[in-house]
Amino acid sequence: MAAEINTEDYPHEIDEQLTGFDSSATAVKTMLEKLMSMPRNELLQKLDPLDQAKLDLMSAYTLNSLFWMYLVTQGINPREHGIKQELERIRTYMNRVKEITDKKKAARLDKGAAARFVRNALYDAEDKDSRKKAASKKAADTTSDSPHPKRPKLN
């Protein structure tokens, strides 16, 4: 694209920028052709709802960004156009999807395991001895309350 234009029509300082723009535009065109080659219903059936939302948001953001660039090439200030609000709205939804994805990836807390970790981390030998004494005293109390007679020892 830049190579086809007569070099006298634009300053040589922006030649490198135009070449970069041309390669970027070609890459976008290639990606859009790949996306458009597959039927949308077939593509959506392969995706879960979260990925469907991501695809829809990506498509909307891409099209609106391309329109932003079109407005710039036409000399229209896109910041004063409604496209700015549309891009902000799409970014808001993209952030919501990102939050949902992050929550989905977040580690789950096993409360029982956490309680065991804390209990064992706070282990105290004196506390263990006092628990043993309390348990043996309780066992002695329950055996003395029982009506069973003691059996004589066998030699």
N, C-alpha and C. Protein backbone atom coordinates (compact mmCIF):
# COMPACT_ATOMS: atom_id res chain seq x y z
N MET A 1 0.83 -1.18 0.00
CA MET A 1 0.00 0.00 0.00
C MET A 1 0.88 1.24 0.00
N ALA A 2 1.83 1.33 0.94
CA ALA A 2 2.69 2.51 1.02
C ALA A 2 3.65 2.54 -0.15
N ALA A 3 4.02 1.37 -0.66
CA ALA A 3 4.96 1.30 -1.77
C ALA A 3 4.31 1.76 -3.07
N GLU A 4 2.98 1.67 -3.18
CA GLU A 4 2.28 2.06 -4.40
C GLU A 4 2.12 3.57 -4.51
N ILE A 5 2.18 4.29 -3.41
CA ILE A 5 1.98 5.73 -3.40
C ILE A 5 3.26 6.41 -3.87
N ASN A 6 3.09 7.45 -4.65
CA ASN A 6 4.23 8.23 -5.11
C ASN A 6 4.89 8.88 -3.90
N THR A 7 6.19 8.68 -3.75
CA THR A 7 6.91 9.16 -2.56
C THR A 7 6.94 10.68 -2.47
N GLU A 8 6.59 11.38 -3.51
CA GLU A 8 6.58 12.84 -3.46
C GLU A 8 5.30 13.36 -2.83
N ASP A 9 4.28 12.49 -2.61
CA ASP A 9 3.00 12.92 -2.07
C ASP A 9 3.00 13.05 -0.55
N TYR A 10 3.98 12.53 0.13
CA TYR A 10 4.02 12.60 1.58
C TYR A 10 5.47 12.75 2.03
N PRO A 11 5.67 13.26 3.24
CA PRO A 11 7.04 13.44 3.74
C PRO A 11 7.72 12.09 3.99
N HIS A 12 9.01 12.03 3.73
CA HIS A 12 9.78 10.79 3.90
C HIS A 12 9.92 10.39 5.36
N GLU A 13 9.72 11.32 6.28
CA GLU A 13 9.84 11.02 7.71
C GLU A 13 8.80 10.01 8.19
N ILE A 14 7.64 9.98 7.52
CA ILE A 14 6.58 9.08 7.98
C ILE A 14 6.54 7.78 7.17
N ASP A 15 7.54 7.56 6.33
CA ASP A 15 7.55 6.36 5.50
C ASP A 15 7.54 5.09 6.36
N GLU A 16 8.33 5.06 7.42
CA GLU A 16 8.40 3.89 8.28
C GLU A 16 7.07 3.67 9.01
N GLN A 17 6.44 4.76 9.43
CA GLN A 17 5.15 4.65 10.11
C GLN A 17 4.08 4.14 9.15
N LEU A 18 4.10 4.60 7.91
CA LEU A 18 3.13 4.13 6.93
C LEU A 18 3.32 2.65 6.62
N THR A 19 4.56 2.22 6.55
CA THR A 19 4.84 0.80 6.31
C THR A 19 4.31 -0.04 7.47
N GLY A 20 4.52 0.41 8.69
CA GLY A 20 4.00 -0.28 9.87
C GLY A 20 2.48 -0.32 9.88
N PHE A 21 1.86 0.80 9.50
CA PHE A 21 0.41 0.85 9.43
C PHE A 21 -0.11 -0.12 8.39
N ASP A 22 0.56 -0.18 7.24
CA ASP A 22 0.14 -1.09 6.17
C ASP A 22 0.22 -2.55 6.64
N SER A 23 1.29 -2.91 7.31
CA SER A 23 1.41 -4.30 7.79
C SER A 23 0.36 -4.60 8.86
N SER A 24 0.07 -3.64 9.72
CA SER A 24 -0.96 -3.83 10.75
C SER A 24 -2.34 -3.98 10.12
N ALA A 25 -2.64 -3.15 9.13
CA ALA A 25 -3.93 -3.24 8.44
C ALA A 25 -4.07 -4.57 7.73
N THR A 26 -2.99 -5.07 7.15
CA THR A 26 -3.01 -6.37 6.48
C THR A 26 -3.25 -7.49 7.50
N ALA A 27 -2.64 -7.40 8.66
CA ALA A 27 -2.82 -8.41 9.71
C ALA A 27 -4.27 -8.41 10.21
N VAL A 28 -4.85 -7.22 10.39
CA VAL A 28 -6.25 -7.13 10.82
C VAL A 28 -7.17 -7.74 9.76
N LYS A 29 -6.90 -7.44 8.52
CA LYS A 29 -7.71 -7.98 7.43
C LYS A 29 -7.64 -9.51 7.42
N THR A 30 -6.46 -10.06 7.60
CA THR A 30 -6.29 -11.51 7.61
C THR A 30 -7.07 -12.14 8.77
N MET A 31 -6.98 -11.55 9.95
CA MET A 31 -7.70 -12.07 11.11
C MET A 31 -9.21 -11.99 10.91
N LEU A 32 -9.69 -10.90 10.36
CA LEU A 32 -11.12 -10.76 10.11
C LEU A 32 -11.60 -11.77 9.07
N GLU A 33 -10.79 -12.03 8.06
CA GLU A 33 -11.17 -13.02 7.05
C GLU A 33 -11.28 -14.41 7.68
N LYS A 34 -10.35 -14.75 8.57
CA LYS A 34 -10.43 -16.04 9.27
C LYS A 34 -11.68 -16.13 10.11
N LEU A 35 -11.99 -15.05 10.83
CA LEU A 35 -13.16 -15.03 11.69
C LEU A 35 -14.45 -15.12 10.88
N MET A 36 -14.49 -14.44 9.75
CA MET A 36 -15.69 -14.41 8.93
C MET A 36 -15.86 -15.67 8.09
N SER A 37 -14.81 -16.46 7.92
CA SER A 37 -14.90 -17.65 7.08
C SER A 37 -15.71 -18.77 7.75
N MET A 38 -15.73 -18.80 9.08
CA MET A 38 -16.48 -19.82 9.80
C MET A 38 -17.88 -19.30 10.14
N PRO A 39 -18.92 -20.12 9.92
CA PRO A 39 -20.27 -19.67 10.29
C PRO A 39 -20.35 -19.37 11.79
N ARG A 40 -20.99 -18.28 12.12
CA ARG A 40 -21.05 -17.81 13.52
C ARG A 40 -21.73 -18.82 14.43
N ASN A 41 -22.83 -19.43 13.97
CA ASN A 41 -23.53 -20.40 14.81
C ASN A 41 -22.64 -21.59 15.14
N GLU A 42 -21.87 -22.04 14.16
CA GLU A 42 -20.97 -23.16 14.37
C GLU A 42 -19.88 -22.80 15.38
N LEU A 43 -19.39 -21.59 15.27
CA LEU A 43 -18.36 -21.13 16.19
C LEU A 43 -18.90 -21.01 17.62
N LEU A 44 -20.10 -20.48 17.78
CA LEU A 44 -20.69 -20.28 19.10
C LEU A 44 -21.03 -21.61 19.77
N GLN A 45 -21.37 -22.63 18.99
CA GLN A 45 -21.71 -23.93 19.56
C GLN A 45 -20.50 -24.58 20.22
N LYS A 46 -19.31 -24.26 19.75
CA LYS A 46 -18.08 -24.84 20.30
C LYS A 46 -17.63 -24.15 21.58
N LEU A 47 -18.21 -23.00 21.90
CA LEU A 47 -17.75 -22.20 23.03
C LEU A 47 -18.73 -22.27 24.19
N ASP A 48 -18.21 -22.14 25.41
CA ASP A 48 -19.08 -22.03 26.58
C ASP A 48 -19.58 -20.57 26.66
N PRO A 49 -20.59 -20.30 27.49
CA PRO A 49 -21.17 -18.95 27.53
C PRO A 49 -20.17 -17.84 27.82
N LEU A 50 -19.20 -18.09 28.68
CA LEU A 50 -18.22 -17.06 29.01
C LEU A 50 -17.35 -16.74 27.79
N ASP A 51 -16.93 -17.77 27.06
CA ASP A 51 -16.13 -17.55 25.85
C ASP A 51 -16.97 -16.90 24.75
N GLN A 52 -18.26 -17.20 24.70
CA GLN A 52 -19.14 -16.54 23.74
C GLN A 52 -19.20 -15.05 24.02
N ALA A 53 -19.32 -14.70 25.30
CA ALA A 53 -19.35 -13.28 25.68
C ALA A 53 -18.03 -12.60 25.31
N LYS A 54 -16.92 -13.29 25.56
CA LYS A 54 -15.61 -12.73 25.20
C LYS A 54 -15.51 -12.49 23.69
N LEU A 55 -15.98 -13.45 22.90
CA LEU A 55 -15.94 -13.31 21.44
C LEU A 55 -16.80 -12.14 20.98
N ASP A 56 -18.01 -12.03 21.52
CA ASP A 56 -18.89 -10.92 21.15
C ASP A 56 -18.29 -9.57 21.52
N LEU A 57 -17.71 -9.49 22.71
CA LEU A 57 -17.10 -8.23 23.14
C LEU A 57 -15.89 -7.89 22.29
N MET A 58 -15.09 -8.89 21.98
CA MET A 58 -13.91 -8.66 21.13
C MET A 58 -14.34 -8.17 19.75
N SER A 59 -15.37 -8.78 19.21
CA SER A 59 -15.85 -8.38 17.88
C SER A 59 -16.37 -6.94 17.90
N ALA A 60 -17.18 -6.63 18.90
CA ALA A 60 -17.73 -5.27 19.00
C ALA A 60 -16.63 -4.24 19.21
N TYR A 61 -15.67 -4.55 20.05
CA TYR A 61 -14.59 -3.61 20.33
C TYR A 61 -13.72 -3.40 19.07
N THR A 62 -13.47 -4.49 18.35
CA THR A 62 -12.66 -4.39 17.14
C THR A 62 -13.35 -3.51 16.09
N LEU A 63 -14.63 -3.76 15.88
CA LEU A 63 -15.36 -2.97 14.87
C LEU A 63 -15.43 -1.49 15.27
N ASN A 64 -15.67 -1.24 16.54
CA ASN A 64 -15.72 0.15 16.98
C ASN A 64 -14.36 0.83 16.92
N SER A 65 -13.30 0.08 17.18
CA SER A 65 -11.95 0.65 17.06
C SER A 65 -11.62 0.96 15.61
N LEU A 66 -12.03 0.07 14.71
CA LEU A 66 -11.81 0.34 13.28
C LEU A 66 -12.59 1.58 12.85
N PHE A 67 -13.81 1.75 13.36
CA PHE A 67 -14.59 2.94 13.04
C PHE A 67 -13.92 4.19 13.61
N TRP A 68 -13.33 4.08 14.80
CA TRP A 68 -12.58 5.18 15.39
C TRP A 68 -11.46 5.61 14.45
N MET A 69 -10.72 4.60 13.93
CA MET A 69 -9.64 4.90 13.00
C MET A 69 -10.16 5.53 11.71
N TYR A 70 -11.29 5.07 11.24
CA TYR A 70 -11.90 5.64 10.05
C TYR A 70 -12.23 7.11 10.27
N LEU A 71 -12.80 7.43 11.43
CA LEU A 71 -13.12 8.83 11.73
C LEU A 71 -11.87 9.69 11.74
N VAL A 72 -10.78 9.15 12.29
CA VAL A 72 -9.52 9.90 12.31
C VAL A 72 -9.04 10.17 10.89
N THR A 73 -9.14 9.18 10.01
CA THR A 73 -8.68 9.37 8.63
C THR A 73 -9.54 10.37 7.87
N GLN A 74 -10.79 10.56 8.32
CA GLN A 74 -11.68 11.51 7.67
C GLN A 74 -11.58 12.90 8.27
N GLY A 75 -10.71 13.05 9.26
CA GLY A 75 -10.52 14.37 9.86
C GLY A 75 -11.53 14.69 10.94
N ILE A 76 -12.29 13.72 11.38
CA ILE A 76 -13.30 13.93 12.43
C ILE A 76 -12.67 13.53 13.77
N ASN A 77 -12.88 14.36 14.78
CA ASN A 77 -12.35 14.07 16.11
C ASN A 77 -13.23 13.00 16.77
N PRO A 78 -12.74 11.78 16.94
CA PRO A 78 -13.58 10.71 17.51
C PRO A 78 -13.91 10.92 18.98
N ARG A 79 -13.16 11.78 19.67
CA ARG A 79 -13.46 12.04 21.08
C ARG A 79 -14.75 12.83 21.24
N GLU A 80 -15.15 13.52 20.18
CA GLU A 80 -16.39 14.29 20.22
C GLU A 80 -17.53 13.53 19.55
N HIS A 81 -17.28 12.31 19.13
CA HIS A 81 -18.26 11.47 18.46
C HIS A 81 -18.82 10.46 19.46
N GLY A 82 -19.95 9.88 19.17
CA GLY A 82 -20.58 8.89 20.05
C GLY A 82 -19.80 7.59 20.17
N ILE A 83 -18.82 7.40 19.30
CA ILE A 83 -18.04 6.16 19.33
C ILE A 83 -17.24 6.04 20.63
N LYS A 84 -16.88 7.17 21.22
CA LYS A 84 -16.11 7.15 22.47
C LYS A 84 -16.94 6.51 23.58
N GLN A 85 -18.21 6.91 23.70
CA GLN A 85 -19.07 6.33 24.72
C GLN A 85 -19.31 4.84 24.47
N GLU A 86 -19.42 4.47 23.21
CA GLU A 86 -19.63 3.05 22.88
C GLU A 86 -18.42 2.22 23.28
N LEU A 87 -17.23 2.71 23.00
CA LEU A 87 -16.02 1.99 23.39
C LEU A 87 -15.90 1.89 24.91
N GLU A 88 -16.27 2.93 25.62
CA GLU A 88 -16.24 2.89 27.08
C GLU A 88 -17.24 1.87 27.63
N ARG A 89 -18.42 1.80 27.01
CA ARG A 89 -19.44 0.84 27.42
C ARG A 89 -18.94 -0.59 27.23
N ILE A 90 -18.30 -0.83 26.09
CA ILE A 90 -17.77 -2.16 25.80
C ILE A 90 -16.65 -2.50 26.78
N ARG A 91 -15.80 -1.54 27.09
CA ARG A 91 -14.72 -1.78 28.07
C ARG A 91 -15.29 -2.13 29.44
N THR A 92 -16.41 -1.51 29.81
CA THR A 92 -17.06 -1.82 31.08
C THR A 92 -17.48 -3.29 31.11
N TYR A 93 -18.09 -3.75 30.04
CA TYR A 93 -18.51 -5.16 29.97
C TYR A 93 -17.30 -6.09 29.92
N MET A 94 -16.23 -5.66 29.27
CA MET A 94 -15.02 -6.48 29.24
C MET A 94 -14.45 -6.64 30.65
N ASN A 95 -14.50 -5.57 31.44
CA ASN A 95 -14.03 -5.64 32.82
C ASN A 95 -14.90 -6.57 33.66
N ARG A 96 -16.22 -6.57 33.40
CA ARG A 96 -17.11 -7.48 34.11
C ARG A 96 -16.77 -8.94 33.79
N VAL A 97 -16.54 -9.22 32.52
CA VAL A 97 -16.19 -10.58 32.12
C VAL A 97 -14.86 -10.98 32.75
N LYS A 98 -13.92 -10.03 32.82
CA LYS A 98 -12.62 -10.32 33.43
C LYS A 98 -12.79 -10.64 34.91
N GLU A 99 -13.65 -9.91 35.60
CA GLU A 99 -13.90 -10.18 37.02
C GLU A 99 -14.49 -11.57 37.21
N ILE A 100 -15.42 -11.94 36.35
CA ILE A 100 -16.04 -13.27 36.43
C ILE A 100 -14.99 -14.34 36.19
N THR A 101 -14.13 -14.13 35.20
CA THR A 101 -13.06 -15.09 34.90
C THR A 101 -12.11 -15.21 36.09
N ASP A 102 -11.76 -14.08 36.69
CA ASP A 102 -10.85 -14.10 37.85
C ASP A 102 -11.48 -14.83 39.03
N LYS A 103 -12.78 -14.62 39.26
CA LYS A 103 -13.47 -15.32 40.35
C LYS A 103 -13.49 -16.82 40.09
N LYS A 104 -13.66 -17.18 38.84
CA LYS A 104 -13.69 -18.59 38.47
C LYS A 104 -12.34 -19.25 38.72
N LYS A 105 -11.27 -18.52 38.50
CA LYS A 105 -9.92 -19.05 38.67
C LYS A 105 -9.44 -19.00 40.12
N ALA A 106 -10.12 -18.23 40.96
CA ALA A 106 -9.68 -18.04 42.35
C ALA A 106 -9.73 -19.37 43.10
N ALA A 107 -8.80 -19.53 44.03
CA ALA A 107 -8.72 -20.76 44.82
C ALA A 107 -9.89 -20.83 45.79
N ARG A 108 -10.38 -22.02 45.98
CA ARG A 108 -11.46 -22.25 46.94
C ARG A 108 -10.85 -22.58 48.30
N LEU A 109 -11.51 -22.15 49.37
CA LEU A 109 -11.02 -22.38 50.71
C LEU A 109 -11.69 -23.61 51.30
N ASP A 110 -10.89 -24.57 51.71
CA ASP A 110 -11.38 -25.75 52.41
C ASP A 110 -11.34 -25.42 53.89
N LYS A 111 -12.51 -25.14 54.46
CA LYS A 111 -12.57 -24.66 55.85
C LYS A 111 -12.05 -25.69 56.83
N GLY A 112 -12.36 -26.96 56.60
CA GLY A 112 -11.89 -28.00 57.50
C GLY A 112 -10.38 -28.10 57.51
N ALA A 113 -9.79 -28.07 56.32
CA ALA A 113 -8.32 -28.15 56.22
C ALA A 113 -7.69 -26.91 56.85
N ALA A 114 -8.29 -25.75 56.66
CA ALA A 114 -7.74 -24.53 57.25
C ALA A 114 -7.79 -24.60 58.77
N ALA A 115 -8.87 -25.13 59.32
CA ALA A 115 -8.98 -25.25 60.77
C ALA A 115 -7.92 -26.22 61.31
N ARG A 116 -7.68 -27.32 60.61
CA ARG A 116 -6.64 -28.27 61.04
C ARG A 116 -5.26 -27.63 60.99
N PHE A 117 -4.99 -26.86 59.93
CA PHE A 117 -3.70 -26.17 59.83
C PHE A 117 -3.50 -25.23 61.01
N VAL A 118 -4.51 -24.45 61.30
CA VAL A 118 -4.40 -23.48 62.39
C VAL A 118 -4.24 -24.20 63.72
N ARG A 119 -5.05 -25.23 63.95
CA ARG A 119 -4.98 -25.97 65.21
C ARG A 119 -3.58 -26.58 65.39
N ASN A 120 -3.05 -27.19 64.35
CA ASN A 120 -1.74 -27.82 64.46
C ASN A 120 -0.61 -26.80 64.53
N ALA A 121 -0.80 -25.65 63.92
CA ALA A 121 0.22 -24.61 63.97
C ALA A 121 0.29 -23.99 65.36
N LEU A 122 -0.82 -24.00 66.05
CA LEU A 122 -0.87 -23.42 67.39
C LEU A 122 -0.73 -24.50 68.47
N TYR A 123 -0.13 -25.60 68.16
CA TYR A 123 0.03 -26.74 69.05
C TYR A 123 0.82 -26.34 70.29
N ASP A 124 0.33 -26.75 71.44
CA ASP A 124 0.99 -26.45 72.72
C ASP A 124 1.05 -27.75 73.51
N ALA A 125 2.25 -28.17 73.94
CA ALA A 125 2.42 -29.43 74.66
C ALA A 125 1.66 -29.41 75.98
N GLU A 126 1.65 -28.29 76.70
CA GLU A 126 0.93 -28.20 77.97
C GLU A 126 -0.56 -28.35 77.75
N ASP A 127 -1.04 -27.77 76.66
CA ASP A 127 -2.46 -27.86 76.34
C ASP A 127 -2.83 -29.32 76.07
N LYS A 128 -1.94 -30.05 75.42
CA LYS A 128 -2.20 -31.46 75.11
C LYS A 128 -2.26 -32.26 76.40
N ASP A 129 -1.35 -31.99 77.34
CA ASP A 129 -1.35 -32.70 78.62
C ASP A 129 -2.65 -32.42 79.39
N SER A 130 -3.09 -31.18 79.40
CA SER A 130 -4.32 -30.84 80.12
C SER A 130 -5.52 -31.50 79.45
N ARG A 131 -5.52 -31.65 78.13
CA ARG A 131 -6.61 -32.34 77.45
C ARG A 131 -6.61 -33.83 77.80
N LYS A 132 -5.41 -34.42 77.89
CA LYS A 132 -5.32 -35.85 78.26
C LYS A 132 -5.84 -36.07 79.68
N LYS A 133 -5.46 -35.17 80.58
CA LYS A 133 -5.92 -35.29 81.96
C LYS A 133 -7.43 -35.16 82.04
N ALA A 134 -7.97 -34.22 81.29
CA ALA A 134 -9.42 -34.02 81.28
C ALA A 134 -10.12 -35.24 80.69
N ALA A 135 -9.55 -35.80 79.65
CA ALA A 135 -10.15 -36.98 79.03
C ALA A 135 -10.08 -38.18 79.95
N SER A 136 -8.95 -38.37 80.67
CA SER A 136 -8.83 -39.52 81.58
C SER A 136 -9.75 -39.35 82.79
N LYS A 137 -9.90 -38.12 83.26
CA LYS A 137 -10.80 -37.86 84.38
C LYS A 137 -12.23 -38.15 83.97
N LYS A 138 -12.58 -37.75 82.76
CA LYS A 138 -13.93 -37.97 82.25
C LYS A 138 -14.17 -39.47 82.10
N ALA A 139 -13.17 -40.18 81.62
CA ALA A 139 -13.29 -41.63 81.45
C ALA A 139 -13.44 -42.29 82.82
N ALA A 140 -12.70 -41.82 83.81
CA ALA A 140 -12.79 -42.38 85.16
C ALA A 140 -14.16 -42.13 85.76
N ASP A 141 -14.69 -40.94 85.52
CA ASP A 141 -16.02 -40.61 86.04
C ASP A 141 -17.08 -41.51 85.43
N THR A 142 -16.98 -41.76 84.14
CA THR A 142 -17.99 -42.59 83.48
C THR A 142 -17.87 -44.03 83.89
N THR A 143 -16.64 -44.53 84.19
CA THR A 143 -16.49 -45.92 84.62
C THR A 143 -16.95 -46.10 86.06
N SER A 144 -16.79 -45.09 86.91
CA SER A 144 -17.24 -45.21 88.30
C SER A 144 -18.76 -45.15 88.37
N ASP A 145 -19.38 -44.50 87.43
CA ASP A 145 -20.83 -44.39 87.41
C ASP A 145 -21.48 -45.66 86.89
N SER A 146 -20.72 -46.50 86.23
CA SER A 146 -21.31 -47.68 85.61
C SER A 146 -21.61 -48.73 86.66
N PRO A 147 -22.72 -49.46 86.54
CA PRO A 147 -23.12 -50.45 87.54
C PRO A 147 -22.42 -51.79 87.37
N HIS A 148 -21.53 -51.96 86.45
CA HIS A 148 -20.87 -53.23 86.21
C HIS A 148 -19.88 -53.54 87.32
N PRO A 149 -19.94 -54.73 87.90
CA PRO A 149 -18.97 -55.08 88.94
C PRO A 149 -17.63 -55.38 88.32
N LYS A 150 -16.58 -55.17 89.11
CA LYS A 150 -15.24 -55.44 88.62
C LYS A 150 -15.00 -56.94 88.66
N ARG A 151 -14.32 -57.44 87.71
CA ARG A 151 -14.00 -58.86 87.64
C ARG A 151 -12.65 -59.09 88.31
N PRO A 152 -12.50 -60.22 88.93
CA PRO A 152 -11.21 -60.50 89.55
C PRO A 152 -10.16 -60.81 88.49
N LYS A 153 -8.92 -60.50 88.82
CA LYS A 153 -7.82 -60.76 87.90
C LYS A 153 -7.56 -62.24 87.82
N LEU A 154 -7.28 -62.69 86.65
CA LEU A 154 -6.91 -64.08 86.43
C LEU A 154 -5.41 -64.18 86.36
N ASN A 155 -4.85 -65.21 87.02
CA ASN A 155 -3.40 -65.38 87.00
C ASN A 155 -2.95 -66.11 85.81
